N, C-alpha and C. Protein backbone atom coordinates (compact mmCIF):
# COMPACT_ATOMS: atom_id res chain seq x y z
N MET A 1 17.89 24.79 0.32
CA MET A 1 16.94 24.03 -0.48
C MET A 1 17.04 22.56 -0.09
N LEU A 2 15.92 21.89 -0.06
CA LEU A 2 15.83 20.49 0.31
C LEU A 2 16.30 19.62 -0.84
N MET A 3 17.27 18.75 -0.58
CA MET A 3 17.75 17.82 -1.60
C MET A 3 16.80 16.63 -1.62
N VAL A 4 16.37 16.24 -2.80
CA VAL A 4 15.44 15.13 -2.92
C VAL A 4 16.04 14.08 -3.82
N SER A 5 16.06 12.87 -3.35
CA SER A 5 16.59 11.75 -4.12
C SER A 5 15.43 10.94 -4.68
N ASN A 6 15.63 10.37 -5.85
CA ASN A 6 14.60 9.53 -6.45
C ASN A 6 14.75 8.06 -6.07
N VAL A 7 15.78 7.73 -5.32
CA VAL A 7 15.99 6.35 -4.89
C VAL A 7 15.85 6.27 -3.38
N ALA A 8 15.42 5.11 -2.92
CA ALA A 8 15.27 4.92 -1.49
C ALA A 8 16.64 4.97 -0.82
N ASP A 9 16.72 5.65 0.29
CA ASP A 9 17.96 5.79 1.05
C ASP A 9 18.29 4.44 1.70
N GLU A 10 19.52 3.98 1.50
CA GLU A 10 19.92 2.67 2.04
C GLU A 10 19.98 2.67 3.56
N ARG A 11 19.98 3.84 4.19
CA ARG A 11 19.97 3.90 5.66
C ARG A 11 18.60 3.54 6.22
N LEU A 12 17.57 3.63 5.40
CA LEU A 12 16.22 3.29 5.85
C LEU A 12 16.02 1.78 5.74
N THR A 13 15.67 1.18 6.83
CA THR A 13 15.52 -0.27 6.87
C THR A 13 14.05 -0.67 6.77
N THR A 14 13.83 -1.95 6.66
CA THR A 14 12.46 -2.47 6.66
C THR A 14 11.75 -2.10 7.96
N THR A 15 12.49 -2.05 9.05
CA THR A 15 11.91 -1.65 10.34
C THR A 15 11.40 -0.22 10.28
N HIS A 16 12.16 0.68 9.67
CA HIS A 16 11.70 2.05 9.51
C HIS A 16 10.42 2.10 8.70
N ARG A 17 10.43 1.39 7.60
CA ARG A 17 9.28 1.45 6.68
C ARG A 17 8.05 0.73 7.21
N ALA A 18 8.22 -0.08 8.24
CA ALA A 18 7.07 -0.75 8.86
C ALA A 18 6.27 0.24 9.70
N LYS A 19 6.90 1.34 10.07
CA LYS A 19 6.22 2.38 10.85
C LYS A 19 5.44 3.30 9.91
N LEU A 20 4.49 4.03 10.46
CA LEU A 20 3.75 5.00 9.67
C LEU A 20 4.64 6.20 9.38
N ALA A 21 4.50 6.76 8.20
CA ALA A 21 5.19 8.01 7.86
C ALA A 21 4.20 9.13 8.13
N TYR A 22 4.55 10.02 9.04
CA TYR A 22 3.68 11.14 9.37
C TYR A 22 4.07 12.36 8.56
N ILE A 23 3.11 12.89 7.83
CA ILE A 23 3.31 14.09 7.04
C ILE A 23 2.49 15.19 7.69
N TYR A 24 3.15 16.24 8.11
CA TYR A 24 2.48 17.35 8.78
C TYR A 24 2.34 18.51 7.81
N VAL A 25 1.11 18.86 7.53
CA VAL A 25 0.82 20.03 6.70
C VAL A 25 0.22 21.07 7.63
N ARG A 26 0.97 22.14 7.84
CA ARG A 26 0.53 23.14 8.81
C ARG A 26 -0.65 23.95 8.27
N GLN A 27 -1.43 24.44 9.18
CA GLN A 27 -2.56 25.27 8.80
C GLN A 27 -2.06 26.67 8.50
N SER A 28 -2.62 27.27 7.48
CA SER A 28 -2.24 28.61 7.08
C SER A 28 -3.48 29.48 6.98
N SER A 29 -3.26 30.77 7.12
CA SER A 29 -4.37 31.70 6.92
C SER A 29 -4.68 31.79 5.43
N VAL A 30 -5.83 32.31 5.09
CA VAL A 30 -6.21 32.50 3.69
C VAL A 30 -5.17 33.37 2.99
N HIS A 31 -4.72 34.41 3.65
CA HIS A 31 -3.71 35.30 3.08
C HIS A 31 -2.42 34.53 2.76
N GLN A 32 -1.97 33.68 3.69
CA GLN A 32 -0.75 32.91 3.47
C GLN A 32 -0.91 31.96 2.29
N VAL A 33 -2.04 31.32 2.19
CA VAL A 33 -2.28 30.38 1.09
C VAL A 33 -2.24 31.12 -0.24
N ARG A 34 -2.86 32.27 -0.31
CA ARG A 34 -2.89 33.04 -1.55
C ARG A 34 -1.52 33.59 -1.93
N GLN A 35 -0.77 34.08 -0.94
CA GLN A 35 0.50 34.74 -1.22
C GLN A 35 1.69 33.78 -1.32
N HIS A 36 1.56 32.58 -0.78
CA HIS A 36 2.69 31.65 -0.72
C HIS A 36 2.26 30.26 -1.19
N GLN A 37 1.75 30.18 -2.38
CA GLN A 37 1.25 28.91 -2.89
C GLN A 37 2.34 27.86 -3.02
N GLU A 38 3.58 28.28 -3.27
CA GLU A 38 4.68 27.32 -3.40
C GLU A 38 4.94 26.59 -2.08
N SER A 39 4.71 27.25 -0.96
CA SER A 39 4.89 26.62 0.33
C SER A 39 3.88 25.48 0.52
N THR A 40 2.65 25.72 0.15
CA THR A 40 1.61 24.69 0.23
C THR A 40 1.98 23.51 -0.65
N GLU A 41 2.43 23.80 -1.86
CA GLU A 41 2.81 22.73 -2.79
C GLU A 41 3.97 21.91 -2.23
N LEU A 42 4.96 22.56 -1.66
CA LEU A 42 6.10 21.85 -1.08
C LEU A 42 5.67 20.93 0.05
N GLN A 43 4.75 21.41 0.88
CA GLN A 43 4.28 20.59 2.00
C GLN A 43 3.58 19.33 1.50
N TYR A 44 2.75 19.46 0.49
CA TYR A 44 2.04 18.29 -0.03
C TYR A 44 2.96 17.35 -0.79
N ARG A 45 4.06 17.86 -1.32
CA ARG A 45 5.02 17.00 -2.02
C ARG A 45 5.80 16.11 -1.07
N LEU A 46 5.70 16.38 0.23
CA LEU A 46 6.35 15.51 1.21
C LEU A 46 5.79 14.09 1.15
N VAL A 47 4.53 13.95 0.78
CA VAL A 47 3.93 12.62 0.61
C VAL A 47 4.67 11.88 -0.50
N ASP A 48 4.90 12.55 -1.62
CA ASP A 48 5.62 11.93 -2.73
C ASP A 48 7.03 11.52 -2.30
N ARG A 49 7.66 12.36 -1.49
CA ARG A 49 9.01 12.04 -1.03
C ARG A 49 9.02 10.78 -0.18
N ALA A 50 8.06 10.65 0.72
CA ALA A 50 7.97 9.44 1.56
C ALA A 50 7.79 8.20 0.69
N VAL A 51 6.98 8.31 -0.34
CA VAL A 51 6.76 7.17 -1.26
C VAL A 51 8.08 6.83 -1.97
N ARG A 52 8.80 7.85 -2.43
CA ARG A 52 10.09 7.60 -3.10
C ARG A 52 11.10 6.95 -2.16
N LEU A 53 10.96 7.24 -0.87
CA LEU A 53 11.87 6.65 0.12
C LEU A 53 11.45 5.24 0.52
N GLY A 54 10.35 4.75 -0.03
CA GLY A 54 9.96 3.37 0.18
C GLY A 54 8.72 3.10 0.99
N TRP A 55 8.07 4.15 1.49
CA TRP A 55 6.83 3.92 2.23
C TRP A 55 5.69 3.72 1.24
N PRO A 56 4.80 2.77 1.51
CA PRO A 56 3.60 2.63 0.68
C PRO A 56 2.74 3.89 0.83
N HIS A 57 2.10 4.31 -0.23
CA HIS A 57 1.30 5.54 -0.21
C HIS A 57 0.26 5.54 0.90
N GLU A 58 -0.34 4.40 1.18
CA GLU A 58 -1.39 4.33 2.20
C GLU A 58 -0.83 4.39 3.62
N ARG A 59 0.50 4.30 3.82
CA ARG A 59 1.10 4.35 5.17
C ARG A 59 1.73 5.70 5.42
């Protein structure tokens, strides 16, 4: 299971956060989306994680 922290990691510097955060949401078949909705939700929550780590939502 992925550990998620609510505070920005001190290892991430301003230089890191100046770069774009790329969030990859893989394409799934209709069957996969219907049968594995939690996987889709987890992928989209990666955006929230990047924001919690200090990236602005628009980056």
